[in-house]
Amino acid sequence: MKADKKRGIVIRYLKAYVSVIAVVASVVAISEAKGAGWRPALAGMPMYVTLLLLVTYQLIKELRALKRDEQEEGSTNNEGQ
């Protein structure tokens, strides 16, 4: 059960990372299509980095919560024996 939860969390955050990368790629593609090159897309770099940091922070937070729940579940099972 815990492996399924962890796998679900990892898959969800892989999708989040792909989405953030798609946002960056779309901005660069639009900039290239307009003939401005990729350098104007660098203006959004603080937003891109912030999005990546937020996704990473939430991933770590959820993995820690899952680990904590597993430890609490294990200690509860040991007390009942």
C-alpha atoms as a PDB file:
ATOM      1  CA  MET A   1       0.000   0.000   0.000  1.00  0.00           C
ATOM      2  CA  LYS A   2       2.763   2.440   0.908  1.00  0.00           C
ATOM      3  CA  ALA A   3       4.561   1.715  -2.376  1.00  0.00           C
ATOM      4  CA  ASP A   4       1.365   2.576  -4.281  1.00  0.00           C
ATOM      5  CA  LYS A   5       1.040   5.881  -2.428  1.00  0.00           C
ATOM      6  CA  LYS A   6       4.668   6.765  -3.064  1.00  0.00           C
ATOM      7  CA  ARG A   7       4.371   5.811  -6.722  1.00  0.00           C
ATOM      8  CA  GLY A   8       1.255   7.982  -7.053  1.00  0.00           C
ATOM      9  CA  ILE A   9       3.025  10.944  -5.496  1.00  0.00           C
ATOM     10  CA  VAL A  10       6.070  10.533  -7.751  1.00  0.00           C
ATOM     11  CA  ILE A  11       3.931  10.232 -10.890  1.00  0.00           C
ATOM     12  CA  ARG A  12       1.920  13.317  -9.910  1.00  0.00           C
ATOM     13  CA  TYR A  13       5.074  15.371  -9.432  1.00  0.00           C
ATOM     14  CA  LEU A  14       6.677  14.098 -12.615  1.00  0.00           C
ATOM     15  CA  LYS A  15       3.613  15.492 -14.376  1.00  0.00           C
ATOM     16  CA  ALA A  16       4.081  18.777 -12.498  1.00  0.00           C
ATOM     17  CA  TYR A  17       7.727  19.027 -13.571  1.00  0.00           C
ATOM     18  CA  VAL A  18       6.792  18.273 -17.180  1.00  0.00           C
ATOM     19  CA  SER A  19       4.126  20.988 -16.980  1.00  0.00           C
ATOM     20  CA  VAL A  20       6.604  23.582 -15.706  1.00  0.00           C
ATOM     21  CA  ILE A  21       9.047  22.629 -18.451  1.00  0.00           C
ATOM     22  CA  ALA A  22       6.208  22.916 -20.992  1.00  0.00           C
ATOM     23  CA  VAL A  23       5.465  26.444 -19.767  1.00  0.00           C
ATOM     24  CA  VAL A  24       9.093  27.435 -20.289  1.00  0.00           C
ATOM     25  CA  ALA A  25       9.219  25.719 -23.681  1.00  0.00           C
ATOM     26  CA  SER A  26       6.046  27.437 -24.857  1.00  0.00           C
ATOM     27  CA  VAL A  27       7.375  30.864 -23.883  1.00  0.00           C
ATOM     28  CA  VAL A  28      10.644  30.176 -25.697  1.00  0.00           C
ATOM     29  CA  ALA A  29       8.760  28.824 -28.735  1.00  0.00           C
ATOM     30  CA  ILE A  30       6.564  31.919 -28.924  1.00  0.00           C
ATOM     31  CA  SER A  31       9.605  34.156 -28.562  1.00  0.00           C
ATOM     32  CA  GLU A  32      11.402  32.271 -31.333  1.00  0.00           C
ATOM     33  CA  ALA A  33       8.320  32.369 -33.566  1.00  0.00           C
ATOM     34  CA  LYS A  34       8.113  36.146 -33.214  1.00  0.00           C
ATOM     35  CA  GLY A  35      11.758  36.367 -34.267  1.00  0.00           C
ATOM     36  CA  ALA A  36      13.014  37.712 -30.938  1.00  0.00           C
ATOM     37  CA  GLY A  37      15.181  34.684 -30.110  1.00  0.00           C
ATOM     38  CA  TRP A  38      15.379  32.945 -26.751  1.00  0.00           C
ATOM     39  CA  ARG A  39      16.952  35.804 -24.772  1.00  0.00           C
ATOM     40  CA  PRO A  40      13.713  37.742 -24.124  1.00  0.00           C
ATOM     41  CA  ALA A  41      12.320  34.540 -22.580  1.00  0.00           C
ATOM     42  CA  LEU A  42      14.978  34.893 -19.886  1.00  0.00           C
ATOM     43  CA  ALA A  43      12.957  37.755 -18.414  1.00  0.00           C
ATOM     44  CA  GLY A  44      10.616  35.126 -16.958  1.00  0.00           C
ATOM     45  CA  MET A  45      13.444  33.163 -15.367  1.00  0.00           C
ATOM     46  CA  PRO A  46      12.548  34.157 -11.774  1.00  0.00           C
ATOM     47  CA  MET A  47       9.028  32.818 -12.341  1.00  0.00           C
ATOM     48  CA  TYR A  48      10.316  29.557 -13.850  1.00  0.00           C
ATOM     49  CA  VAL A  49      12.723  28.995 -10.971  1.00  0.00           C
ATOM     50  CA  THR A  50      10.002  29.839  -8.449  1.00  0.00           C
ATOM     51  CA  LEU A  51       7.636  27.314 -10.033  1.00  0.00           C
ATOM     52  CA  LEU A  52      10.308  24.603  -9.950  1.00  0.00           C
ATOM     53  CA  LEU A  53      11.129  25.388  -6.320  1.00  0.00           C
ATOM     54  CA  LEU A  54       7.458  25.301  -5.331  1.00  0.00           C
ATOM     55  CA  VAL A  55       6.909  21.932  -7.006  1.00  0.00           C
ATOM     56  CA  THR A  56      10.063  20.542  -5.390  1.00  0.00           C
ATOM     57  CA  TYR A  57       9.088  21.888  -1.959  1.00  0.00           C
ATOM     58  CA  GLN A  58       5.630  20.326  -2.163  1.00  0.00           C
ATOM     59  CA  LEU A  59       7.099  17.005  -3.344  1.00  0.00           C
ATOM     60  CA  ILE A  60       9.495  16.878  -0.396  1.00  0.00           C
ATOM     61  CA  LYS A  61       6.706  17.881   1.981  1.00  0.00           C
ATOM     62  CA  GLU A  62       4.425  15.084   0.763  1.00  0.00           C
ATOM     63  CA  LEU A  63       7.175  12.451   0.817  1.00  0.00           C
ATOM     64  CA  ARG A  64       8.075  13.425   4.390  1.00  0.00           C
ATOM     65  CA  ALA A  65       4.411  13.234   5.428  1.00  0.00           C
ATOM     66  CA  LEU A  66       4.139   9.777   3.849  1.00  0.00           C
ATOM     67  CA  LYS A  67       7.278   8.632   5.662  1.00  0.00           C
ATOM     68  CA  ARG A  68       5.971  10.036   8.959  1.00  0.00           C
ATOM     69  CA  ASP A  69       2.628   8.253   8.473  1.00  0.00           C
ATOM     70  CA  GLU A  70       4.442   4.981   7.757  1.00  0.00           C
ATOM     71  CA  GLN A  71       6.520   5.351  10.926  1.00  0.00           C
ATOM     72  CA  GLU A  72       3.433   6.140  13.016  1.00  0.00           C
ATOM     73  CA  GLU A  73       1.624   3.165  11.503  1.00  0.00           C
ATOM     74  CA  GLY A  74       4.577   0.925  12.327  1.00  0.00           C
ATOM     75  CA  SER A  75       4.780   2.149  15.925  1.00  0.00           C
ATOM     76  CA  THR A  76       1.020   1.672  16.360  1.00  0.00           C
ATOM     77  CA  ASN A  77       1.264  -1.902  15.098  1.00  0.00           C
ATOM     78  CA  ASN A  78       4.145  -2.652  17.484  1.00  0.00           C
ATOM     79  CA  GLU A  79       2.237  -1.277  20.499  1.00  0.00           C
ATOM     80  CA  GLY A  80      -0.749  -3.485  19.767  1.00  0.00           C
ATOM     81  CA  GLN A  81       1.261  -6.720  19.920  1.00  0.00           C
END
